[in-house]
Each structure stands twice: as C-alpha cells, then as structure tokens.
Amino acid sequence: MANGDSIKIGLKCEESGDINYTTHKNPKTHTEKMALKKYSPRLKKHTIHKEIKLKS
C-alpha cells in the first residue's frame, strides 16, 4: 500500500495513448519519470508505457 510520501501515477501507452495501469511512487526517491514495457490490451502486445500524473 502507498504511504503518505507517495503520489498516484498512471502508465500511458506510447502507441495507443491509453492509460492501462495505475501505481504509486515516492517522488523523493524516484525523481525521473518511469518508462516500463507493459502489455497493452487494445494492441495485444507489449509496448512502452510512460508515467503521467493523475488526480489524487
């Protein structure tokens, strides 16, 4: 679970533009933006997902 130091982020697919995943991260320890290779259900393949800010 997320504690008080973390913020809610979304992972947006670079190819389709969909926000497929949400997670939390601590901005004090992870200052750079996350970029992960995750599965995109719409495209039915693994693509790069980059971090975007979500409303809390």
N, C-alpha and C. Protein backbone atom coordinates (compact mmCIF):
# COMPACT_ATOMS: atom_id res chain seq x y z
N MET A 1 0.83 -1.19 0.00
CA MET A 1 0.00 0.00 0.00
C MET A 1 0.87 1.25 0.00
N ALA A 2 0.29 2.32 -0.41
CA ALA A 2 1.01 3.58 -0.50
C ALA A 2 0.96 4.31 0.83
N ASN A 3 2.07 4.90 1.21
CA ASN A 3 2.07 5.68 2.45
C ASN A 3 1.97 7.16 2.12
N GLY A 4 2.18 8.02 3.09
CA GLY A 4 1.98 9.45 2.92
C GLY A 4 2.93 10.14 1.97
N ASP A 5 4.09 9.56 1.70
CA ASP A 5 5.08 10.19 0.84
C ASP A 5 4.85 9.94 -0.65
N SER A 6 3.98 9.01 -0.99
CA SER A 6 3.85 8.62 -2.39
C SER A 6 2.74 9.39 -3.10
N ILE A 7 2.85 9.43 -4.44
CA ILE A 7 1.83 10.07 -5.27
C ILE A 7 1.28 9.02 -6.24
N LYS A 8 0.07 9.24 -6.70
CA LYS A 8 -0.56 8.31 -7.63
C LYS A 8 -0.17 8.71 -9.05
N ILE A 9 0.28 7.72 -9.84
CA ILE A 9 0.67 7.97 -11.23
C ILE A 9 -0.03 6.97 -12.13
N GLY A 10 -0.13 7.30 -13.40
CA GLY A 10 -0.68 6.39 -14.39
C GLY A 10 0.40 6.04 -15.39
N LEU A 11 0.26 4.89 -16.01
CA LEU A 11 1.19 4.47 -17.05
C LEU A 11 0.44 4.47 -18.38
N LYS A 12 0.86 5.38 -19.27
CA LYS A 12 0.17 5.61 -20.54
C LYS A 12 0.94 4.96 -21.67
N CYS A 13 0.22 4.21 -22.51
CA CYS A 13 0.82 3.53 -23.66
C CYS A 13 1.28 4.56 -24.69
N GLU A 14 2.49 4.41 -25.17
CA GLU A 14 3.05 5.33 -26.17
C GLU A 14 2.36 5.17 -27.53
N GLU A 15 1.93 3.98 -27.88
CA GLU A 15 1.38 3.74 -29.22
C GLU A 15 -0.12 4.03 -29.29
N SER A 16 -0.90 3.56 -28.31
CA SER A 16 -2.36 3.76 -28.38
C SER A 16 -2.83 4.98 -27.61
N GLY A 17 -2.06 5.46 -26.63
CA GLY A 17 -2.45 6.62 -25.84
C GLY A 17 -3.38 6.28 -24.68
N ASP A 18 -3.61 5.01 -24.43
CA ASP A 18 -4.48 4.58 -23.32
C ASP A 18 -3.69 4.55 -22.02
N ILE A 19 -4.39 4.88 -20.91
CA ILE A 19 -3.81 4.71 -19.58
C ILE A 19 -4.25 3.34 -19.09
N ASN A 20 -3.36 2.37 -19.15
CA ASN A 20 -3.70 0.99 -18.85
C ASN A 20 -3.40 0.60 -17.41
N TYR A 21 -2.50 1.29 -16.74
CA TYR A 21 -2.08 0.90 -15.40
C TYR A 21 -2.00 2.13 -14.50
N THR A 22 -2.25 1.93 -13.20
CA THR A 22 -2.03 2.96 -12.19
C THR A 22 -1.17 2.37 -11.09
N THR A 23 -0.36 3.21 -10.47
CA THR A 23 0.52 2.78 -9.40
C THR A 23 0.87 3.99 -8.54
N HIS A 24 1.69 3.78 -7.53
CA HIS A 24 2.17 4.85 -6.66
C HIS A 24 3.69 4.88 -6.73
N LYS A 25 4.26 6.07 -6.50
CA LYS A 25 5.71 6.17 -6.41
C LYS A 25 6.07 7.29 -5.45
N ASN A 26 7.24 7.18 -4.87
CA ASN A 26 7.76 8.19 -3.96
C ASN A 26 8.61 9.15 -4.78
N PRO A 27 8.17 10.41 -4.97
CA PRO A 27 8.93 11.34 -5.81
C PRO A 27 10.26 11.78 -5.18
N LYS A 28 10.45 11.55 -3.90
CA LYS A 28 11.71 11.92 -3.26
C LYS A 28 12.82 10.93 -3.61
N THR A 29 12.48 9.67 -3.79
CA THR A 29 13.50 8.66 -4.09
C THR A 29 13.60 8.37 -5.58
N HIS A 30 12.49 8.49 -6.32
CA HIS A 30 12.48 8.25 -7.78
C HIS A 30 12.15 9.56 -8.48
N THR A 31 13.17 10.33 -8.80
CA THR A 31 12.95 11.67 -9.35
C THR A 31 12.68 11.64 -10.85
N GLU A 32 13.20 10.66 -11.58
CA GLU A 32 12.98 10.61 -13.02
C GLU A 32 11.66 9.91 -13.33
N LYS A 33 11.15 10.16 -14.55
CA LYS A 33 9.88 9.55 -14.96
C LYS A 33 10.10 8.07 -15.27
N MET A 34 9.10 7.28 -14.91
CA MET A 34 9.18 5.85 -15.16
C MET A 34 8.79 5.54 -16.60
N ALA A 35 9.44 4.56 -17.18
CA ALA A 35 9.09 4.06 -18.50
C ALA A 35 9.27 2.54 -18.45
N LEU A 36 8.16 1.81 -18.57
CA LEU A 36 8.18 0.36 -18.44
C LEU A 36 7.59 -0.29 -19.68
N LYS A 37 8.02 -1.49 -19.96
CA LYS A 37 7.44 -2.25 -21.05
C LYS A 37 6.32 -3.11 -20.45
N LYS A 38 5.07 -2.77 -20.78
CA LYS A 38 3.89 -3.43 -20.23
C LYS A 38 2.99 -3.90 -21.36
N TYR A 39 2.02 -4.75 -21.03
CA TYR A 39 1.08 -5.29 -22.02
C TYR A 39 -0.03 -4.29 -22.28
N SER A 40 -0.31 -4.04 -23.56
CA SER A 40 -1.41 -3.17 -23.97
C SER A 40 -2.55 -4.05 -24.48
N PRO A 41 -3.69 -4.10 -23.75
CA PRO A 41 -4.79 -4.98 -24.16
C PRO A 41 -5.39 -4.60 -25.52
N ARG A 42 -5.45 -3.33 -25.85
CA ARG A 42 -6.03 -2.92 -27.12
C ARG A 42 -5.18 -3.39 -28.30
N LEU A 43 -3.86 -3.26 -28.17
CA LEU A 43 -2.96 -3.65 -29.25
C LEU A 43 -2.55 -5.12 -29.18
N LYS A 44 -2.82 -5.76 -28.05
CA LYS A 44 -2.50 -7.17 -27.82
C LYS A 44 -1.01 -7.46 -27.99
N LYS A 45 -0.18 -6.56 -27.46
CA LYS A 45 1.27 -6.76 -27.48
C LYS A 45 1.90 -5.89 -26.39
N HIS A 46 3.17 -6.13 -26.11
CA HIS A 46 3.89 -5.35 -25.11
C HIS A 46 4.41 -4.07 -25.76
N THR A 47 4.18 -2.94 -25.09
CA THR A 47 4.63 -1.63 -25.58
C THR A 47 5.24 -0.84 -24.42
N ILE A 48 5.88 0.26 -24.75
CA ILE A 48 6.44 1.14 -23.73
C ILE A 48 5.30 1.97 -23.12
N HIS A 49 5.26 2.00 -21.78
CA HIS A 49 4.29 2.81 -21.05
C HIS A 49 5.07 3.84 -20.23
N LYS A 50 4.73 5.11 -20.37
CA LYS A 50 5.42 6.17 -19.66
C LYS A 50 4.51 6.76 -18.60
N GLU A 51 5.13 7.29 -17.58
CA GLU A 51 4.44 7.84 -16.42
C GLU A 51 3.73 9.16 -16.76
N ILE A 52 2.51 9.31 -16.25
CA ILE A 52 1.79 10.57 -16.30
C ILE A 52 1.20 10.84 -14.92
N LYS A 53 0.92 12.10 -14.62
CA LYS A 53 0.33 12.46 -13.34
C LYS A 53 -1.18 12.22 -13.37
N LEU A 54 -1.72 11.72 -12.28
CA LEU A 54 -3.15 11.52 -12.13
C LEU A 54 -3.66 12.41 -11.02
N LYS A 55 -4.94 12.71 -11.06
CA LYS A 55 -5.55 13.46 -9.96
C LYS A 55 -5.63 12.55 -8.74
N SER A 56 -5.33 13.08 -7.60
CA SER A 56 -5.30 12.26 -6.37
C SER A 56 -6.64 11.89 -5.96
